[in-house]
Protein backbone atom coordinates (compact mmCIF):
# COMPACT_ATOMS: atom_id res chain seq x y z
CA GLN A 1 -0.40 7.22 -17.53
CA VAL A 2 -0.64 7.20 -13.51
CA GLN A 3 1.48 8.89 -11.28
CA LEU A 4 1.79 7.66 -7.77
CA VAL A 5 3.04 9.70 -4.74
CA GLU A 6 3.27 8.15 -1.32
CA SER A 7 3.78 10.06 2.03
CA GLY A 8 3.40 9.46 5.74
CA GLY A 9 6.48 7.10 6.35
CA GLY A 10 8.87 7.99 9.23
CA VAL A 11 10.24 6.48 12.11
CA VAL A 12 8.17 5.03 14.98
CA GLN A 13 8.80 2.88 18.09
CA THR A 14 7.46 -0.63 18.58
CA GLY A 15 3.72 -0.68 19.21
CA GLY A 16 3.30 2.66 17.40
CA SER A 17 1.07 3.74 14.43
CA LEU A 18 1.67 5.40 10.96
CA ARG A 19 -0.86 6.01 8.10
CA LEU A 20 0.53 6.16 4.74
CA SER A 21 -0.95 7.85 1.81
CA CYS A 22 -0.71 7.30 -1.70
CA ALA A 23 -2.12 10.21 -4.12
CA ALA A 24 -2.64 9.16 -7.83
CA SER A 25 -3.19 11.24 -10.73
CA GLY A 26 -3.87 10.63 -14.46
CA ARG A 27 -6.32 7.88 -15.45
CA SER A 28 -9.81 7.17 -13.73
CA PHE A 29 -8.87 6.25 -10.38
CA SER A 30 -12.01 4.67 -9.44
CA THR A 31 -11.81 2.18 -12.03
CA TYR A 32 -8.52 -0.04 -11.08
CA ALA A 33 -7.34 -1.76 -7.92
CA MET A 34 -4.52 -0.34 -5.73
CA GLY A 35 -2.05 -2.30 -3.68
CA TRP A 36 0.66 -1.69 -1.08
CA PHE A 37 4.08 -3.59 -1.16
CA ARG A 38 7.09 -3.38 1.04
CA GLN A 39 10.63 -4.25 0.57
CA ALA A 40 13.33 -4.63 3.44
CA PRO A 41 16.95 -4.33 2.92
CA GLY A 42 18.25 -7.65 1.08
CA LYS A 43 14.82 -9.20 0.79
CA GLU A 44 12.33 -9.38 -2.24
CA ARG A 45 9.27 -7.00 -2.72
CA GLU A 46 6.24 -8.51 -0.94
CA PHE A 47 2.63 -7.86 -0.80
CA VAL A 48 1.11 -6.13 2.13
CA ALA A 49 -2.46 -5.12 1.09
CA ALA A 50 -4.62 -4.58 -1.91
CA ILE A 51 -7.98 -3.00 -2.38
CA SER A 52 -10.47 -3.28 -5.39
CA TRP A 53 -11.74 -0.42 -7.45
CA SER A 54 -14.97 -0.51 -5.54
CA ALA A 55 -13.30 -1.42 -2.05
CA GLY A 56 -15.61 -4.36 -2.25
CA SER A 57 -12.80 -6.93 -2.09
CA ILE A 58 -9.67 -6.45 0.24
CA ASP A 59 -6.65 -8.66 1.01
CA TYR A 60 -3.93 -8.52 3.33
CA ALA A 61 -0.49 -10.53 3.79
CA GLU A 62 -1.14 -12.79 6.98
CA SER A 63 1.86 -10.94 8.45
CA VAL A 64 -0.32 -7.72 8.81
CA LYS A 65 -3.81 -9.01 9.13
CA GLY A 66 -5.45 -7.33 12.35
CA ARG A 67 -2.97 -4.70 12.41
CA PHE A 68 -3.03 -2.92 9.12
CA THR A 69 -5.97 -1.33 7.19
CA ILE A 70 -6.10 -0.45 3.62
CA SER A 71 -8.75 2.13 2.25
CA ARG A 72 -9.41 4.57 -0.52
CA ASP A 73 -11.05 7.77 -1.15
CA ASN A 74 -11.83 7.71 -4.97
CA ALA A 75 -13.05 11.53 -4.73
CA LYS A 76 -9.65 12.43 -3.45
CA LYS A 77 -7.93 9.77 -5.66
CA THR A 78 -5.87 8.44 -2.63
CA VAL A 79 -5.36 5.03 -1.03
CA TYR A 80 -4.46 4.80 2.55
CA LEU A 81 -2.57 2.10 4.74
CA ALA A 82 -3.03 2.49 8.13
CA MET A 83 -0.43 0.70 10.40
CA ASN A 84 -0.86 0.02 13.96
CA SER A 85 0.75 -2.25 16.52
CA LEU A 86 4.14 -1.79 14.33
CA LYS A 87 6.97 -4.17 14.72
CA PRO A 88 10.70 -3.96 14.05
CA ASP A 89 9.85 -6.65 11.13
CA ASP A 90 7.53 -4.08 9.56
CA THR A 91 10.62 -1.96 8.81
CA ALA A 92 10.99 -1.34 4.88
CA VAL A 93 10.40 0.68 2.06
CA TYR A 94 6.58 0.93 1.44
CA TYR A 95 5.30 1.22 -2.52
CA CYS A 96 1.96 1.67 -3.53
CA ALA A 97 1.00 0.19 -6.99
CA ALA A 98 -1.87 0.64 -9.50
CA ASP A 99 -3.31 -2.45 -11.46
CA LEU A 100 -5.07 -0.93 -14.26
CA THR A 101 -7.08 -3.92 -15.52
CA LEU A 102 -10.39 -2.63 -15.66
CA LYS A 103 -12.30 -3.47 -12.40
CA ARG A 104 -10.33 -6.69 -11.60
CA PRO A 105 -10.42 -8.14 -8.24
CA VAL A 106 -7.39 -7.77 -6.03
CA VAL A 107 -4.33 -9.66 -6.84
CA THR A 108 -1.25 -10.27 -4.71
CA ARG A 109 1.33 -10.65 -7.36
CA PRO A 110 3.69 -7.42 -8.00
CA GLN A 111 3.84 -8.48 -11.61
CA ALA A 112 0.08 -7.55 -12.07
CA TYR A 113 0.48 -3.88 -11.17
CA ASP A 114 1.17 -1.53 -14.00
CA TYR A 115 2.32 1.66 -12.05
CA TRP A 116 4.54 2.14 -8.91
CA GLY A 117 5.18 4.94 -6.63
CA GLN A 118 8.74 6.01 -5.49
CA GLY A 119 8.27 4.44 -1.91
CA THR A 120 8.19 5.80 1.25
CA GLN A 121 10.59 4.56 4.53
CA VAL A 122 9.16 3.09 7.34
CA THR A 123 11.36 2.29 10.31
CA VAL A 124 10.37 0.79 13.65
CA SER A 125 12.85 0.95 16.25
CA SER A 126 12.81 -1.85 18.91
């Protein structure tokens, strides 16, 4: 069993920055990949970024490349999403998720993830 709790969302102006955190508890955090997804009103949940268990493999959605950075601290059982140059299109509820398949490279399909946090709202005003 894994519990995930996101924090760090809020309201920011266009061009601003936020850093999201996702704290995990339960099974060995350092053995599984983590992902960030987002869902805007009326839209499907979409992949944002993912990081493998060792941070040796990282992937980003094209829409956030160069602006967002995913990282993890296995000692703190926490994954981060640093978001810079935010745009109104980034407005969404952001979810972190855990892929418990042992030491698998990152995947972008939400169906591959076993546990999800409750989400944190990010609103970018124009």
